[in-house]
Protein backbone atom coordinates (compact mmCIF):
# COMPACT_ATOMS: atom_id res chain seq x y z
CA MET A 1 0.04 0.06 0.03
CA HIS A 2 1.32 3.38 -0.99
CA THR A 3 0.52 6.57 0.74
CA GLY A 4 1.83 10.02 0.23
CA SER A 5 3.92 11.12 -2.79
CA ILE A 6 5.20 8.75 -5.25
CA CYS A 7 8.29 9.80 -7.34
CA TYR A 8 9.38 6.67 -9.11
CA PHE A 9 7.41 7.45 -12.31
CA MET A 10 9.72 10.40 -12.95
CA GLY A 11 11.54 10.03 -16.34
CA TYR A 12 9.36 6.99 -17.11
CA GLU A 13 9.21 6.08 -20.81
CA TRP A 14 5.56 6.42 -21.58
CA PHE A 15 3.77 3.54 -23.50
CA ALA A 16 0.63 3.96 -25.58
CA ARG A 17 -2.70 2.54 -24.35
CA PRO A 18 -4.64 1.41 -27.22
CA ASP A 19 -8.10 2.45 -25.90
CA LEU A 20 -6.88 5.99 -25.23
CA GLN A 21 -6.68 8.13 -28.50
CA LEU A 22 -4.53 11.51 -27.74
CA PRO A 23 -3.68 14.06 -30.16
CA ARG A 24 0.00 13.43 -31.40
CA LYS A 25 0.90 16.93 -31.33
CA SER A 26 0.88 19.00 -28.07
CA ALA A 27 -1.50 21.98 -27.92
CA ARG A 28 1.72 24.12 -27.51
CA GLY A 29 3.33 23.10 -30.67
CA ASN A 30 5.84 20.56 -31.51
CA ILE A 31 7.28 20.23 -27.95
CA PRO A 32 7.02 16.51 -27.05
CA ARG A 33 3.95 15.90 -24.79
CA ARG A 34 6.12 14.34 -22.01
CA CYS A 35 8.11 17.39 -21.62
CA MET A 36 5.04 19.55 -20.84
CA LYS A 37 4.80 20.63 -17.26
CA PRO A 38 1.79 22.38 -15.95
CA ASP A 39 2.04 26.00 -14.50
CA TYR A 40 -0.34 25.57 -11.45
CA LEU A 41 -0.40 29.29 -10.79
CA THR A 42 -2.12 30.55 -14.04
CA PRO A 43 -5.32 32.68 -13.12
CA GLU A 44 -7.41 29.79 -14.54
CA LEU A 45 -5.90 27.13 -12.42
CA VAL A 46 -6.01 29.36 -9.35
CA ALA A 47 -9.58 30.03 -10.05
CA HIS A 48 -10.19 26.13 -10.69
CA VAL A 49 -8.54 25.19 -7.35
CA GLY A 50 -10.75 27.77 -5.63
CA CYS A 51 -13.74 26.03 -7.14
CA LEU A 52 -12.48 22.78 -5.83
CA ALA A 53 -11.94 24.02 -2.25
CA ARG A 54 -15.18 25.98 -2.21
CA SER A 55 -17.33 23.07 -3.49
CA LEU A 56 -15.58 20.71 -1.15
CA LYS A 57 -16.48 23.03 1.91
CA HIS A 58 -20.06 23.35 0.56
CA PHE A 59 -20.78 19.59 0.20
CA THR A 60 -18.61 18.19 3.08
CA GLY A 61 -18.06 21.09 5.41
CA ARG A 62 -14.38 20.26 5.16
CA ASP A 63 -11.44 22.70 4.05
CA LEU A 64 -9.28 21.38 1.43
CA PHE A 65 -6.36 23.23 3.28
CA PRO A 66 -7.44 25.33 5.98
CA GLY A 67 -6.16 28.99 5.76
CA PHE A 68 -4.91 28.80 2.25
CA THR A 69 -6.50 30.83 -0.66
CA GLY A 70 -5.53 32.06 -4.00
CA THR A 71 -1.99 31.11 -5.39
CA ALA A 72 -1.00 29.85 -1.91
CA LEU A 73 -3.91 27.24 -2.27
CA ALA A 74 -2.99 26.47 -5.89
CA ARG A 75 0.44 25.82 -4.96
CA THR A 76 -0.28 23.69 -2.01
CA VAL A 77 -2.67 21.64 -3.83
CA ALA A 78 -0.29 21.27 -6.66
CA GLU A 79 2.26 19.88 -4.38
CA ALA A 80 -0.01 17.82 -1.91
CA PRO A 81 1.07 14.50 -1.01
CA PHE A 82 -2.42 13.08 -2.15
CA VAL A 83 -4.30 12.88 -5.51
CA VAL A 84 -6.51 15.67 -6.52
CA VAL A 85 -8.31 15.33 -9.95
CA SER A 86 -11.46 16.73 -11.49
CA HIS A 87 -13.49 16.68 -14.73
CA GLY A 88 -16.04 18.98 -16.48
CA THR A 89 -19.63 18.41 -17.28
CA GLN A 90 -19.29 17.24 -20.93
CA ALA A 91 -21.45 14.09 -21.94
CA ASP A 92 -18.33 12.21 -21.74
CA PRO A 93 -16.46 14.26 -19.10
CA VAL A 94 -12.89 15.06 -19.78
CA LEU A 95 -10.38 15.48 -16.95
CA ASN A 96 -9.62 19.24 -16.40
CA TYR A 97 -7.27 19.14 -13.40
CA GLY A 98 -4.78 16.70 -11.77
CA ASN A 99 -2.00 17.73 -9.19
CA ARG A 100 1.54 16.37 -9.51
CA VAL A 101 0.86 13.25 -7.62
CA ALA A 102 -2.16 12.37 -10.16
CA LEU A 103 0.13 13.00 -12.93
CA ARG A 104 2.76 10.59 -11.74
CA LEU A 105 0.12 7.98 -10.77
CA TRP A 106 -1.61 8.05 -14.00
CA GLU A 107 1.70 8.38 -15.85
CA MET A 108 0.65 11.34 -17.93
CA ASP A 109 1.79 14.95 -18.45
CA TRP A 110 -0.56 17.72 -18.15
CA ASP A 111 -1.80 17.76 -21.64
CA GLU A 112 -2.35 14.10 -21.83
CA LEU A 113 -4.32 14.10 -18.63
CA THR A 114 -6.49 17.03 -19.40
CA GLY A 115 -7.37 15.62 -22.80
CA THR A 116 -8.43 12.35 -21.45
CA PRO A 117 -12.13 11.41 -20.85
CA SER A 118 -12.25 10.66 -17.19
CA ARG A 119 -14.06 7.11 -17.84
CA LEU A 120 -10.69 5.82 -19.24
CA THR A 121 -9.05 6.20 -16.05
CA ALA A 122 -11.05 2.94 -15.11
CA GLU A 123 -10.78 -0.48 -16.87
CA ALA A 124 -13.87 -1.29 -19.12
CA PRO A 125 -15.26 -3.80 -16.53
CA GLU A 126 -14.91 -1.03 -13.76
CA ARG A 127 -16.76 1.72 -15.78
CA THR A 128 -20.32 0.55 -14.83
CA GLU A 129 -19.44 0.84 -11.13
CA ARG A 130 -17.79 4.21 -11.83
CA ALA A 131 -20.88 5.30 -13.56
CA ARG A 132 -23.00 4.53 -10.66
CA LEU A 133 -20.58 6.26 -8.30
CA LEU A 134 -20.80 9.54 -10.25
CA ALA A 135 -24.68 9.22 -10.41
CA ALA A 136 -24.63 8.86 -6.63
CA VAL A 137 -22.33 11.85 -6.14
CA THR A 138 -24.52 14.00 -8.55
CA GLN A 139 -27.45 13.21 -6.47
CA ASN A 140 -26.02 13.52 -2.95
CA GLY A 141 -23.24 16.03 -3.52
CA PHE A 142 -20.40 13.78 -2.45
CA ILE A 143 -19.35 10.56 -1.14
CA ASP A 144 -16.26 9.92 1.13
CA ASP A 145 -15.65 6.19 1.09
CA TYR A 146 -15.25 5.14 -2.54
CA SER A 147 -12.88 2.45 -3.37
CA GLY A 148 -12.14 0.98 -6.97
CA ILE A 149 -9.70 0.06 -9.58
CA ARG A 150 -8.07 2.45 -11.90
CA VAL A 151 -5.64 2.20 -14.63
CA SER A 152 -2.64 4.15 -15.65
CA ARG A 153 -1.58 5.29 -19.17
CA SER A 154 0.67 2.25 -19.46
CA GLY A 155 -2.00 -0.02 -18.23
CA ARG A 156 -0.73 -0.28 -14.76
CA ARG A 157 -3.62 -1.17 -12.49
CA PHE A 158 -4.12 0.15 -9.03
CA ARG A 159 -6.74 0.09 -6.39
CA ILE A 160 -7.80 3.39 -4.58
CA PHE A 161 -9.15 3.37 -1.22
CA GLN A 162 -11.42 5.75 0.67
CA ALA A 163 -11.60 8.38 -1.99
CA THR A 164 -13.80 11.54 -1.37
CA VAL A 165 -15.67 12.44 -4.52
CA TRP A 166 -17.68 15.63 -4.77
CA ASN A 167 -19.70 17.82 -7.02
CA LEU A 168 -18.11 21.10 -8.34
CA MET A 169 -20.20 24.26 -8.52
CA THR A 170 -19.60 27.87 -9.87
CA GLU A 171 -19.79 30.69 -7.53
CA THR A 172 -23.33 31.20 -8.73
CA GLY A 173 -24.30 27.52 -7.77
CA GLN A 174 -24.15 25.98 -11.20
CA PRO A 175 -22.74 22.59 -11.67
CA CYS A 176 -19.24 22.47 -13.32
CA GLY A 177 -17.99 19.09 -12.81
CA GLN A 178 -16.81 16.54 -10.05
CA ALA A 179 -13.62 16.14 -8.28
CA ALA A 180 -11.89 13.35 -6.35
CA MET A 181 -9.11 13.16 -3.87
CA PHE A 182 -7.32 10.17 -2.22
CA ASP A 183 -4.21 9.36 -0.56
CA ARG A 184 -4.32 5.54 -0.38
CA TRP A 185 -3.70 3.27 -3.29
CA GLU A 186 -2.24 -0.04 -4.03
CA PHE A 187 -0.60 -1.37 -7.05
CA LEU A 188 -2.10 -4.64 -8.57
CA GLY A 189 -0.24 -7.64 -10.11
């Protein structure tokens, strides 16, 4: 069982996953995708992390990081020793945030992660259960005891434990996605 930061994926040679179709060219030009590193302190990401924290507090009563706001909060979440990920509200929701631990765990860079439909983070047999979970979150606002099997870009399987999954909402209360965080996982096989 692994908890906290993982760092042994650094410099890992990425392998293609057949069911994950990603653009071959980076959105930022011809720079190889594995070289792309996110700037977690852009105004858009600072605002998004604010949404994560505000929504978590609204639905669970818990603070993401008590006493942190703005760029300090964005930096702290980016460097947190646990996974924080989120997706949007598309018909097939696409991931729109992953902190550094999430990028390493799923073996993706920022552009790959944020171009991935979130359903592809689970193996096909697990997707029905994942869809049921997300429907329960939509109805109840959050759950804080989810466990399930996920798969990295290279196909490495891992089980997550006691994940908190919650709805995201704008400052005006409109739904804008869902997020998850967890600090316990175990690699399988």
